[in-house]
Amino acid sequence: MTILFIQSHYQDPFNMGAEPFAEAVAQDLMTVVRETDLRDEHFATARGLITTTHLDQIGFQRFIPAVTGFLDHGGRWIYNGHILRPVLPELSTYIPMPQPRRADLVQTRVFDHPVFAGVDQTKLETNHGVAGFYGRGHNPLPAGAVAINVFGPSAVPVDWIWKRPDGGELLSHAGNEFWGCGDDTDVKRQLADRAVAWLCGILN
């Protein structure tokens, strides 16, 4: 069983989304499948799932039973982007920050999830000196979810982890893929490697 990386229909095979995982693909730890080629059986043979901010959320609705089954069997899912078409009844639509200023985009770690533990979150706040690429809002936490990284004095939960009562785990990041943010290449590589390890069940 491998990690399933769902690639938007208009993305190149290895762009900002999948390129950091080229080694995982070469080692058969990850399978990249374009949305147009996606089938229910891909979820049945996956142990981990990555969706990007470019996901066609309308088209993805047809896979609700397959995604639910994947989670029921203990699958782990990293969801990047704004939830606009919830796949699960416990999920809610994205809430943007109203006119955020720079101070509102300062990041604080409030829970040391193994994907982020020890990472200097300030290194992800800006890309080429510009803040906001990491996120500008949040996907509301379902009951039982735990915030990981928050924004500003209002503690907006841009990243959270949810251990689903019926099985599986969902790590939500309400912005561009977190391993593609910031200017420190070592940190970005570390986050991509940890994402793979967590989805494989190596990190807990």
N, C-alpha and C. Protein backbone atom coordinates (compact mmCIF):
# COMPACT_ATOMS: atom_id res chain seq x y z
N MET A 1 0.85 -1.20 0.00
CA MET A 1 0.00 0.00 0.00
C MET A 1 0.89 1.24 0.00
N THR A 2 0.45 2.26 -0.73
CA THR A 2 1.26 3.48 -0.86
C THR A 2 0.45 4.70 -0.46
N ILE A 3 1.15 5.83 -0.45
CA ILE A 3 0.49 7.13 -0.25
C ILE A 3 -0.08 7.56 -1.60
N LEU A 4 -1.30 8.00 -1.59
CA LEU A 4 -1.96 8.49 -2.81
C LEU A 4 -1.87 10.01 -2.85
N PHE A 5 -1.17 10.55 -3.85
CA PHE A 5 -1.08 11.99 -4.07
C PHE A 5 -1.99 12.34 -5.23
N ILE A 6 -3.05 13.09 -4.96
CA ILE A 6 -4.00 13.46 -6.01
C ILE A 6 -3.56 14.77 -6.65
N GLN A 7 -3.31 14.69 -7.94
CA GLN A 7 -2.79 15.83 -8.69
C GLN A 7 -3.90 16.50 -9.48
N SER A 8 -3.96 17.81 -9.38
CA SER A 8 -4.96 18.56 -10.13
C SER A 8 -4.81 18.30 -11.62
N HIS A 9 -5.92 18.34 -12.35
CA HIS A 9 -5.91 17.99 -13.77
C HIS A 9 -5.06 18.94 -14.62
N TYR A 10 -4.82 20.17 -14.11
CA TYR A 10 -4.05 21.11 -14.93
C TYR A 10 -2.61 21.28 -14.45
N GLN A 11 -2.19 20.54 -13.42
CA GLN A 11 -0.83 20.66 -12.92
C GLN A 11 0.12 19.76 -13.69
N ASP A 12 1.40 20.21 -13.78
CA ASP A 12 2.45 19.37 -14.34
C ASP A 12 2.75 18.26 -13.34
N PRO A 13 3.29 17.12 -13.80
CA PRO A 13 3.52 15.99 -12.89
C PRO A 13 4.31 16.34 -11.64
N PHE A 14 5.35 17.17 -11.75
CA PHE A 14 6.13 17.52 -10.57
C PHE A 14 6.31 19.03 -10.49
N ASN A 15 5.31 19.67 -9.91
CA ASN A 15 5.37 21.11 -9.69
C ASN A 15 5.46 21.35 -8.20
N MET A 16 4.97 22.49 -7.74
CA MET A 16 5.05 22.83 -6.31
C MET A 16 4.45 21.74 -5.45
N GLY A 17 3.44 21.05 -5.94
CA GLY A 17 2.78 20.05 -5.13
C GLY A 17 3.58 18.78 -4.97
N ALA A 18 3.86 18.07 -6.06
CA ALA A 18 4.44 16.73 -5.98
C ALA A 18 5.96 16.69 -6.03
N GLU A 19 6.62 17.72 -6.52
CA GLU A 19 8.07 17.68 -6.70
C GLU A 19 8.84 17.30 -5.44
N PRO A 20 8.48 17.82 -4.25
CA PRO A 20 9.25 17.44 -3.05
C PRO A 20 9.18 15.96 -2.72
N PHE A 21 8.28 15.22 -3.38
CA PHE A 21 8.09 13.82 -3.07
C PHE A 21 8.64 12.90 -4.15
N ALA A 22 9.52 13.42 -5.01
CA ALA A 22 10.08 12.62 -6.09
C ALA A 22 10.77 11.37 -5.56
N GLU A 23 11.49 11.49 -4.44
CA GLU A 23 12.18 10.34 -3.87
C GLU A 23 11.19 9.30 -3.36
N ALA A 24 10.12 9.77 -2.72
CA ALA A 24 9.10 8.85 -2.22
C ALA A 24 8.44 8.09 -3.37
N VAL A 25 8.23 8.78 -4.49
CA VAL A 25 7.66 8.13 -5.67
C VAL A 25 8.63 7.10 -6.22
N ALA A 26 9.92 7.47 -6.29
CA ALA A 26 10.93 6.54 -6.81
C ALA A 26 11.06 5.29 -5.96
N GLN A 27 10.78 5.43 -4.65
CA GLN A 27 10.89 4.30 -3.73
C GLN A 27 9.57 3.53 -3.61
N ASP A 28 8.59 3.90 -4.44
CA ASP A 28 7.27 3.25 -4.43
C ASP A 28 6.52 3.45 -3.12
N LEU A 29 6.86 4.54 -2.41
CA LEU A 29 6.11 4.89 -1.21
C LEU A 29 4.91 5.75 -1.54
N MET A 30 4.91 6.35 -2.73
CA MET A 30 3.85 7.28 -3.12
C MET A 30 3.48 7.06 -4.58
N THR A 31 2.18 7.17 -4.85
CA THR A 31 1.66 7.10 -6.21
C THR A 31 0.97 8.41 -6.53
N VAL A 32 1.35 9.05 -7.63
CA VAL A 32 0.73 10.29 -8.07
C VAL A 32 -0.33 9.96 -9.10
N VAL A 33 -1.58 10.37 -8.83
CA VAL A 33 -2.69 10.09 -9.74
C VAL A 33 -3.39 11.40 -10.08
N ARG A 34 -3.54 11.63 -11.38
CA ARG A 34 -4.24 12.83 -11.81
C ARG A 34 -5.74 12.68 -11.51
N GLU A 35 -6.39 13.78 -11.24
CA GLU A 35 -7.82 13.75 -10.92
C GLU A 35 -8.63 13.05 -11.98
N THR A 36 -8.27 13.26 -13.24
CA THR A 36 -9.03 12.67 -14.34
C THR A 36 -8.89 11.15 -14.39
N ASP A 37 -7.85 10.61 -13.74
CA ASP A 37 -7.63 9.17 -13.74
C ASP A 37 -8.02 8.52 -12.42
N LEU A 38 -8.51 9.30 -11.48
CA LEU A 38 -8.79 8.80 -10.14
C LEU A 38 -9.99 7.85 -10.13
N ARG A 39 -9.83 6.74 -9.41
CA ARG A 39 -10.88 5.74 -9.29
C ARG A 39 -11.03 5.32 -7.83
N ASP A 40 -12.15 4.72 -7.50
CA ASP A 40 -12.39 4.26 -6.13
C ASP A 40 -11.30 3.32 -5.65
N GLU A 41 -10.80 2.48 -6.53
CA GLU A 41 -9.81 1.48 -6.13
C GLU A 41 -8.49 2.10 -5.66
N HIS A 42 -8.21 3.34 -6.08
CA HIS A 42 -7.01 4.00 -5.60
C HIS A 42 -7.05 4.20 -4.09
N PHE A 43 -8.24 4.51 -3.56
CA PHE A 43 -8.38 4.71 -2.12
C PHE A 43 -8.32 3.39 -1.38
N ALA A 44 -8.79 2.32 -2.01
CA ALA A 44 -8.81 1.01 -1.37
C ALA A 44 -7.41 0.46 -1.15
N THR A 45 -6.44 0.92 -1.94
CA THR A 45 -5.08 0.41 -1.82
C THR A 45 -4.12 1.45 -1.24
N ALA A 46 -4.65 2.53 -0.66
CA ALA A 46 -3.82 3.60 -0.09
C ALA A 46 -3.77 3.52 1.43
N ARG A 47 -2.62 3.88 1.99
CA ARG A 47 -2.51 4.00 3.45
C ARG A 47 -2.44 5.46 3.88
N GLY A 48 -2.14 6.34 2.92
CA GLY A 48 -2.08 7.78 3.17
C GLY A 48 -2.63 8.53 1.98
N LEU A 49 -3.04 9.76 2.21
CA LEU A 49 -3.66 10.57 1.15
C LEU A 49 -3.19 12.01 1.27
N ILE A 50 -2.81 12.60 0.13
CA ILE A 50 -2.48 14.03 0.07
C ILE A 50 -3.36 14.68 -0.99
N THR A 51 -4.07 15.73 -0.58
CA THR A 51 -4.78 16.57 -1.54
C THR A 51 -4.21 17.98 -1.44
N THR A 52 -4.15 18.66 -2.57
CA THR A 52 -3.54 19.98 -2.62
C THR A 52 -4.60 21.07 -2.68
N THR A 53 -4.13 22.30 -2.59
CA THR A 53 -5.05 23.43 -2.64
C THR A 53 -5.74 23.55 -4.00
N HIS A 54 -5.23 22.83 -5.00
CA HIS A 54 -5.81 22.86 -6.34
C HIS A 54 -6.86 21.78 -6.57
N LEU A 55 -7.20 21.03 -5.55
CA LEU A 55 -8.17 19.94 -5.69
C LEU A 55 -9.50 20.44 -6.26
N ASP A 56 -10.04 19.71 -7.22
CA ASP A 56 -11.38 19.98 -7.74
C ASP A 56 -12.38 19.43 -6.72
N GLN A 57 -12.81 20.28 -5.81
CA GLN A 57 -13.65 19.82 -4.71
C GLN A 57 -15.04 19.39 -5.17
N ILE A 58 -15.52 19.96 -6.25
CA ILE A 58 -16.82 19.54 -6.77
C ILE A 58 -16.71 18.12 -7.33
N GLY A 59 -15.71 17.88 -8.16
CA GLY A 59 -15.52 16.56 -8.73
C GLY A 59 -15.17 15.52 -7.67
N PHE A 60 -14.53 15.95 -6.60
CA PHE A 60 -14.11 15.03 -5.56
C PHE A 60 -15.29 14.48 -4.76
N GLN A 61 -16.44 15.13 -4.87
CA GLN A 61 -17.61 14.68 -4.12
C GLN A 61 -18.01 13.25 -4.49
N ARG A 62 -17.71 12.83 -5.70
CA ARG A 62 -18.12 11.48 -6.11
C ARG A 62 -17.33 10.40 -5.39
N PHE A 63 -16.25 10.79 -4.71
CA PHE A 63 -15.43 9.82 -4.00
C PHE A 63 -15.69 9.80 -2.49
N ILE A 64 -16.78 10.44 -2.06
CA ILE A 64 -17.08 10.48 -0.63
C ILE A 64 -17.12 9.09 -0.01
N PRO A 65 -17.83 8.10 -0.60
CA PRO A 65 -17.82 6.76 0.01
C PRO A 65 -16.42 6.15 0.07
N ALA A 66 -15.62 6.36 -0.97
CA ALA A 66 -14.28 5.78 -1.00
C ALA A 66 -13.37 6.44 0.04
N VAL A 67 -13.47 7.76 0.18
CA VAL A 67 -12.67 8.47 1.18
C VAL A 67 -13.09 8.06 2.58
N THR A 68 -14.38 7.94 2.80
CA THR A 68 -14.88 7.51 4.11
C THR A 68 -14.37 6.12 4.46
N GLY A 69 -14.41 5.21 3.49
CA GLY A 69 -13.89 3.86 3.71
C GLY A 69 -12.40 3.86 3.99
N PHE A 70 -11.67 4.70 3.27
CA PHE A 70 -10.23 4.84 3.48
C PHE A 70 -9.94 5.25 4.93
N LEU A 71 -10.67 6.23 5.43
CA LEU A 71 -10.48 6.67 6.81
C LEU A 71 -10.95 5.63 7.81
N ASP A 72 -12.07 5.00 7.52
CA ASP A 72 -12.60 3.96 8.43
C ASP A 72 -11.57 2.87 8.70
N HIS A 73 -10.71 2.62 7.72
CA HIS A 73 -9.70 1.57 7.85
C HIS A 73 -8.37 2.11 8.38
N GLY A 74 -8.41 3.33 8.94
CA GLY A 74 -7.23 3.88 9.59
C GLY A 74 -6.33 4.74 8.74
N GLY A 75 -6.78 5.15 7.56
CA GLY A 75 -5.97 5.98 6.68
C GLY A 75 -5.70 7.36 7.25
N ARG A 76 -4.60 7.95 6.83
CA ARG A 76 -4.24 9.32 7.23
C ARG A 76 -4.28 10.23 6.01
N TRP A 77 -4.83 11.41 6.21
CA TRP A 77 -5.06 12.35 5.10
C TRP A 77 -4.49 13.71 5.45
N ILE A 78 -3.64 14.26 4.57
CA ILE A 78 -3.19 15.65 4.69
C ILE A 78 -3.97 16.47 3.69
N TYR A 79 -4.80 17.37 4.23
CA TYR A 79 -5.67 18.20 3.40
C TYR A 79 -5.08 19.62 3.36
N ASN A 80 -4.68 20.07 2.16
CA ASN A 80 -4.19 21.43 1.98
C ASN A 80 -5.25 22.27 1.28
N GLY A 81 -5.45 23.50 1.75
CA GLY A 81 -6.37 24.40 1.06
C GLY A 81 -7.60 24.72 1.88
N HIS A 82 -8.52 25.41 1.22
CA HIS A 82 -9.76 25.87 1.84
C HIS A 82 -10.87 24.85 1.63
N ILE A 83 -11.47 24.38 2.69
CA ILE A 83 -12.60 23.47 2.56
C ILE A 83 -13.82 24.28 2.10
N LEU A 84 -14.24 24.04 0.88
CA LEU A 84 -15.41 24.73 0.33
C LEU A 84 -16.56 23.76 0.06
N ARG A 85 -16.21 22.50 -0.17
CA ARG A 85 -17.19 21.44 -0.37
C ARG A 85 -16.83 20.29 0.58
N PRO A 86 -17.31 20.33 1.81
CA PRO A 86 -16.92 19.31 2.79
C PRO A 86 -17.22 17.90 2.31
N VAL A 87 -16.26 17.01 2.51
CA VAL A 87 -16.41 15.61 2.12
C VAL A 87 -17.04 14.80 3.25
N LEU A 88 -16.81 15.24 4.48
CA LEU A 88 -17.34 14.55 5.65
C LEU A 88 -18.33 15.47 6.37
N PRO A 89 -19.37 14.92 6.98
CA PRO A 89 -20.39 15.76 7.63
C PRO A 89 -19.85 16.56 8.81
N GLU A 90 -18.75 16.12 9.40
CA GLU A 90 -18.18 16.84 10.54
C GLU A 90 -17.38 18.08 10.13
N LEU A 91 -17.07 18.21 8.85
CA LEU A 91 -16.25 19.32 8.36
C LEU A 91 -17.11 20.50 7.96
N SER A 92 -16.52 21.71 8.07
CA SER A 92 -17.23 22.95 7.74
C SER A 92 -16.39 23.77 6.78
N THR A 93 -17.02 24.75 6.15
CA THR A 93 -16.35 25.54 5.12
C THR A 93 -15.38 26.56 5.71
N TYR A 94 -14.38 26.85 4.94
CA TYR A 94 -13.27 27.76 5.28
C TYR A 94 -13.76 29.13 5.73
N ILE A 95 -13.07 29.69 6.73
CA ILE A 95 -13.36 31.04 7.23
C ILE A 95 -12.12 31.91 7.03
N PRO A 96 -12.19 32.92 6.15
CA PRO A 96 -11.03 33.80 5.94
C PRO A 96 -10.86 34.80 7.08
N MET A 97 -9.63 35.25 7.28
CA MET A 97 -9.37 36.30 8.26
C MET A 97 -9.80 37.64 7.66
N PRO A 98 -10.53 38.47 8.38
CA PRO A 98 -10.97 39.75 7.84
C PRO A 98 -9.84 40.77 7.82
N GLN A 99 -9.38 41.12 6.63
CA GLN A 99 -8.33 42.14 6.44
C GLN A 99 -7.14 41.94 7.38
N PRO A 100 -6.44 40.80 7.25
CA PRO A 100 -5.32 40.56 8.16
C PRO A 100 -4.15 41.51 7.94
N ARG A 101 -3.57 41.96 9.05
CA ARG A 101 -2.34 42.75 9.02
C ARG A 101 -1.17 41.82 9.30
N ARG A 102 0.04 42.34 9.18
CA ARG A 102 1.22 41.48 9.35
C ARG A 102 1.21 40.80 10.72
N ALA A 103 0.83 41.52 11.76
CA ALA A 103 0.82 40.94 13.11
C ALA A 103 -0.17 39.79 13.22
N ASP A 104 -1.20 39.80 12.38
CA ASP A 104 -2.20 38.73 12.41
C ASP A 104 -1.70 37.45 11.76
N LEU A 105 -0.56 37.54 11.06
CA LEU A 105 -0.03 36.38 10.34
C LEU A 105 1.18 35.77 11.03
N VAL A 106 1.49 36.28 12.24
CA VAL A 106 2.56 35.68 13.04
C VAL A 106 2.10 34.29 13.49
N GLN A 107 2.97 33.30 13.33
CA GLN A 107 2.59 31.92 13.64
C GLN A 107 3.14 31.45 14.98
N THR A 108 2.30 30.72 15.70
CA THR A 108 2.68 30.16 16.99
C THR A 108 2.31 28.69 17.03
N ARG A 109 3.21 27.85 17.50
CA ARG A 109 2.92 26.43 17.67
C ARG A 109 2.25 26.22 19.02
N VAL A 110 1.10 25.57 19.02
CA VAL A 110 0.38 25.31 20.27
C VAL A 110 0.29 23.82 20.58
N PHE A 111 0.70 22.98 19.61
CA PHE A 111 0.73 21.53 19.82
C PHE A 111 1.84 20.95 18.97
N ASP A 112 2.71 20.14 19.57
CA ASP A 112 3.85 19.60 18.85
C ASP A 112 3.50 18.31 18.11
N HIS A 113 2.72 18.46 17.05
CA HIS A 113 2.46 17.31 16.19
C HIS A 113 3.78 16.90 15.54
N PRO A 114 4.02 15.59 15.34
CA PRO A 114 5.32 15.14 14.84
C PRO A 114 5.72 15.69 13.47
N VAL A 115 4.79 16.10 12.64
CA VAL A 115 5.16 16.71 11.36
C VAL A 115 5.84 18.06 11.57
N PHE A 116 5.43 18.79 12.60
CA PHE A 116 5.93 20.14 12.82
C PHE A 116 6.86 20.29 14.02
N ALA A 117 6.89 19.32 14.92
CA ALA A 117 7.64 19.44 16.16
C ALA A 117 9.10 19.81 15.91
N GLY A 118 9.57 20.86 16.60
CA GLY A 118 10.95 21.30 16.46
C GLY A 118 11.23 22.20 15.28
N VAL A 119 10.27 22.35 14.38
CA VAL A 119 10.44 23.24 13.22
C VAL A 119 10.21 24.68 13.66
N ASP A 120 11.10 25.58 13.23
CA ASP A 120 10.94 27.01 13.53
C ASP A 120 9.84 27.56 12.63
N GLN A 121 8.66 27.73 13.20
CA GLN A 121 7.50 28.12 12.41
C GLN A 121 7.64 29.51 11.80
N THR A 122 8.49 30.36 12.39
CA THR A 122 8.68 31.71 11.83
C THR A 122 9.31 31.65 10.44
N LYS A 123 10.02 30.55 10.15
CA LYS A 123 10.63 30.41 8.83
C LYS A 123 9.61 30.17 7.73
N LEU A 124 8.36 29.89 8.12
CA LEU A 124 7.29 29.64 7.15
C LEU A 124 6.36 30.84 6.99
N GLU A 125 6.63 31.91 7.73
CA GLU A 125 5.71 33.05 7.72
C GLU A 125 5.75 33.86 6.42
N THR A 126 6.92 33.89 5.77
CA THR A 126 7.04 34.72 4.57
C THR A 126 7.69 33.95 3.43
N ASN A 127 7.35 34.34 2.22
CA ASN A 127 8.02 33.91 1.00
C ASN A 127 8.60 35.16 0.36
N HIS A 128 9.92 35.21 0.26
CA HIS A 128 10.61 36.39 -0.28
C HIS A 128 10.16 37.67 0.45
N GLY A 129 9.99 37.54 1.76
CA GLY A 129 9.65 38.69 2.59
C GLY A 129 8.18 39.04 2.63
N VAL A 130 7.34 38.30 1.90
CA VAL A 130 5.91 38.61 1.85
C VAL A 130 5.13 37.56 2.66
N ALA A 131 4.33 38.03 3.61
CA ALA A 131 3.54 37.13 4.45
C ALA A 131 2.20 36.82 3.80
N GLY A 132 1.61 35.70 4.19
CA GLY A 132 0.27 35.35 3.72
C GLY A 132 0.19 34.12 2.86
N PHE A 133 1.34 33.64 2.35
CA PHE A 133 1.30 32.44 1.49
C PHE A 133 0.94 31.20 2.29
N TYR A 134 1.34 31.17 3.55
CA TYR A 134 1.07 29.99 4.38
C TYR A 134 -0.42 29.84 4.65
N GLY A 135 -1.13 30.94 4.70
CA GLY A 135 -2.56 30.90 4.94
C GLY A 135 -3.07 32.26 5.38
N ARG A 136 -4.39 32.44 5.26
CA ARG A 136 -5.03 33.69 5.67
C ARG A 136 -6.39 33.41 6.29
N GLY A 137 -6.49 32.27 6.95
CA GLY A 137 -7.75 31.88 7.56
C GLY A 137 -7.66 30.47 8.08
N HIS A 138 -8.82 29.83 8.27
CA HIS A 138 -8.79 28.47 8.80
C HIS A 138 -10.00 27.67 8.37
N ASN A 139 -9.80 26.37 8.36
CA ASN A 139 -10.92 25.43 8.23
C ASN A 139 -11.40 25.12 9.65
N PRO A 140 -12.66 25.32 9.95
CA PRO A 140 -13.15 25.10 11.32
C PRO A 140 -12.84 23.70 11.84
N LEU A 141 -12.46 23.63 13.10
CA LEU A 141 -12.12 22.36 13.72
C LEU A 141 -13.38 21.55 14.00
N PRO A 142 -13.41 20.28 13.59
CA PRO A 142 -14.50 19.40 14.02
C PRO A 142 -14.33 19.08 15.50
N ALA A 143 -15.36 18.57 16.12
CA ALA A 143 -15.29 18.20 17.53
C ALA A 143 -14.16 17.20 17.76
N GLY A 144 -13.32 17.49 18.74
CA GLY A 144 -12.23 16.59 19.07
C GLY A 144 -10.92 16.91 18.38
N ALA A 145 -10.91 17.84 17.43
CA ALA A 145 -9.68 18.21 16.74
C ALA A 145 -8.81 19.08 17.65
N VAL A 146 -7.50 19.11 17.36
CA VAL A 146 -6.55 19.87 18.16
C VAL A 146 -5.76 20.80 17.25
N ALA A 147 -5.72 22.09 17.59
CA ALA A 147 -4.95 23.06 16.81
C ALA A 147 -3.45 22.77 16.95
N ILE A 148 -2.71 22.96 15.86
CA ILE A 148 -1.26 22.75 15.85
C ILE A 148 -0.55 24.10 15.76
N ASN A 149 -0.82 24.85 14.69
CA ASN A 149 -0.23 26.17 14.49
C ASN A 149 -1.34 27.19 14.36
N VAL A 150 -1.17 28.35 15.00
CA VAL A 150 -2.21 29.37 14.98
C VAL A 150 -1.62 30.70 14.52
N PHE A 151 -2.50 31.56 14.04
CA PHE A 151 -2.13 32.88 13.56
C PHE A 151 -2.47 33.96 14.59
N GLY A 152 -1.52 34.84 14.85
CA GLY A 152 -1.78 36.11 15.52
C GLY A 152 -2.40 36.03 16.90
N PRO A 153 -2.78 37.21 17.42
CA PRO A 153 -3.36 37.28 18.76
C PRO A 153 -4.72 36.60 18.88
N SER A 154 -5.40 36.39 17.76
CA SER A 154 -6.70 35.72 17.80
C SER A 154 -6.57 34.20 17.77
N ALA A 155 -5.34 33.70 17.63
CA ALA A 155 -5.06 32.26 17.61
C ALA A 155 -5.92 31.53 16.57
N VAL A 156 -5.90 32.03 15.35
CA VAL A 156 -6.63 31.41 14.24
C VAL A 156 -5.95 30.08 13.89
N PRO A 157 -6.65 28.94 13.98
CA PRO A 157 -6.01 27.62 13.81
C PRO A 157 -5.80 27.22 12.36
N VAL A 158 -4.70 27.68 11.78
CA VAL A 158 -4.43 27.38 10.37
C VAL A 158 -4.12 25.90 10.16
N ASP A 159 -3.52 25.25 11.17
CA ASP A 159 -3.21 23.82 11.09
C ASP A 159 -3.86 23.10 12.27
N TRP A 160 -4.49 21.96 11.99
CA TRP A 160 -5.04 21.16 13.08
C TRP A 160 -5.04 19.68 12.72
N ILE A 161 -5.13 18.85 13.75
CA ILE A 161 -5.16 17.41 13.57
C ILE A 161 -6.44 16.86 14.20
N TRP A 162 -7.07 15.94 13.51
CA TRP A 162 -8.32 15.34 14.00
C TRP A 162 -8.24 13.83 13.92
N LYS A 163 -8.30 13.17 15.07
CA LYS A 163 -8.42 11.72 15.10
C LYS A 163 -9.90 11.39 15.04
N ARG A 164 -10.31 10.92 13.91
CA ARG A 164 -11.73 10.67 13.65
C ARG A 164 -12.25 9.53 14.52
N PRO A 165 -13.39 9.72 15.19
CA PRO A 165 -13.92 8.67 16.06
C PRO A 165 -14.15 7.34 15.35
N ASP A 166 -14.49 7.38 14.07
CA ASP A 166 -14.76 6.16 13.32
C ASP A 166 -13.52 5.58 12.65
N GLY A 167 -12.37 6.23 12.88
CA GLY A 167 -11.13 5.73 12.31
C GLY A 167 -10.44 6.75 11.43
N GLY A 168 -9.13 6.66 11.34
CA GLY A 168 -8.37 7.54 10.49
C GLY A 168 -8.06 8.88 11.13
N GLU A 169 -7.17 9.62 10.48
CA GLU A 169 -6.78 10.94 10.96
C GLU A 169 -6.72 11.93 9.80
N LEU A 170 -7.07 13.17 10.10
CA LEU A 170 -7.03 14.24 9.10
C LEU A 170 -6.19 15.38 9.63
N LEU A 171 -5.14 15.73 8.89
CA LEU A 171 -4.32 16.90 9.19
C LEU A 171 -4.71 17.98 8.20
N SER A 172 -5.32 19.04 8.71
CA SER A 172 -5.80 20.13 7.85
C SER A 172 -4.83 21.30 7.89
N HIS A 173 -4.47 21.79 6.70
CA HIS A 173 -3.68 23.01 6.56
C HIS A 173 -4.45 23.94 5.63
N ALA A 174 -4.93 25.05 6.14
CA ALA A 174 -5.82 25.94 5.37
C ALA A 174 -5.04 26.97 4.55
N GLY A 175 -4.20 26.47 3.65
CA GLY A 175 -3.43 27.36 2.80
C GLY A 175 -2.69 26.58 1.74
N ASN A 176 -1.71 27.23 1.10
CA ASN A 176 -0.88 26.55 0.12
C ASN A 176 -0.12 25.42 0.82
N GLU A 177 0.29 24.41 0.07
CA GLU A 177 0.96 23.25 0.64
C GLU A 177 2.07 23.71 1.59
N PHE A 178 2.05 23.26 2.85
CA PHE A 178 2.96 23.81 3.85
C PHE A 178 4.42 23.50 3.55
N TRP A 179 4.69 22.41 2.84
CA TRP A 179 6.08 22.09 2.49
C TRP A 179 6.59 22.95 1.34
N GLY A 180 5.75 23.79 0.78
CA GLY A 180 6.17 24.69 -0.29
C GLY A 180 6.27 26.13 0.17
N CYS A 181 6.05 26.39 1.46
CA CYS A 181 6.06 27.75 1.99
C CYS A 181 7.39 28.07 2.66
N GLY A 182 7.71 29.36 2.71
CA GLY A 182 8.97 29.81 3.32
C GLY A 182 10.11 29.79 2.32
N ASP A 183 11.26 30.30 2.76
CA ASP A 183 12.43 30.42 1.89
C ASP A 183 13.57 29.50 2.29
N ASP A 184 13.38 28.72 3.35
CA ASP A 184 14.43 27.83 3.83
C ASP A 184 14.23 26.45 3.21
N THR A 185 15.09 26.09 2.27
CA THR A 185 14.92 24.82 1.55
C THR A 185 15.06 23.61 2.48
N ASP A 186 15.89 23.73 3.50
CA ASP A 186 16.07 22.61 4.43
C ASP A 186 14.80 22.35 5.23
N VAL A 187 14.14 23.42 5.66
CA VAL A 187 12.89 23.28 6.41
C VAL A 187 11.82 22.69 5.52
N LYS A 188 11.74 23.14 4.29
CA LYS A 188 10.72 22.62 3.37
C LYS A 188 10.94 21.13 3.09
N ARG A 189 12.19 20.73 2.91
CA ARG A 189 12.49 19.32 2.69
C ARG A 189 12.15 18.51 3.93
N GLN A 190 12.45 19.06 5.11
CA GLN A 190 12.14 18.36 6.35
C GLN A 190 10.64 18.14 6.49
N LEU A 191 9.85 19.14 6.17
CA LEU A 191 8.40 19.02 6.28
C LEU A 191 7.86 18.00 5.28
N ALA A 192 8.38 17.99 4.07
CA ALA A 192 7.93 17.01 3.07
C ALA A 192 8.28 15.59 3.52
N ASP A 193 9.49 15.41 4.03
CA ASP A 193 9.91 14.08 4.50
C ASP A 193 9.06 13.63 5.68
N ARG A 194 8.76 14.55 6.59
CA ARG A 194 7.95 14.20 7.75
C ARG A 194 6.51 13.88 7.34
N ALA A 195 6.02 14.59 6.34
CA ALA A 195 4.66 14.30 5.85
C ALA A 195 4.59 12.85 5.37
N VAL A 196 5.60 12.43 4.61
CA VAL A 196 5.64 11.05 4.12
C VAL A 196 5.71 10.07 5.29
N ALA A 197 6.60 10.35 6.25
CA ALA A 197 6.77 9.46 7.39
C ALA A 197 5.48 9.34 8.21
N TRP A 198 4.79 10.47 8.40
CA TRP A 198 3.55 10.44 9.16
C TRP A 198 2.47 9.65 8.42
N LEU A 199 2.35 9.87 7.14
CA LEU A 199 1.35 9.16 6.35
C LEU A 199 1.63 7.66 6.29
N CYS A 200 2.91 7.29 6.38
CA CYS A 200 3.28 5.88 6.39
C CYS A 200 3.12 5.24 7.77
N GLY A 201 2.86 6.07 8.78
CA GLY A 201 2.72 5.54 10.13
C GLY A 201 4.03 5.42 10.88
N ILE A 202 5.11 5.98 10.32
CA ILE A 202 6.42 5.94 10.99
C ILE A 202 6.46 6.96 12.13
N LEU A 203 5.86 8.12 11.90
CA LEU A 203 5.75 9.16 12.94
C LEU A 203 4.37 9.08 13.56
N ASN A 204 4.31 9.14 14.88
CA ASN A 204 3.04 9.09 15.59
C ASN A 204 3.02 10.12 16.72
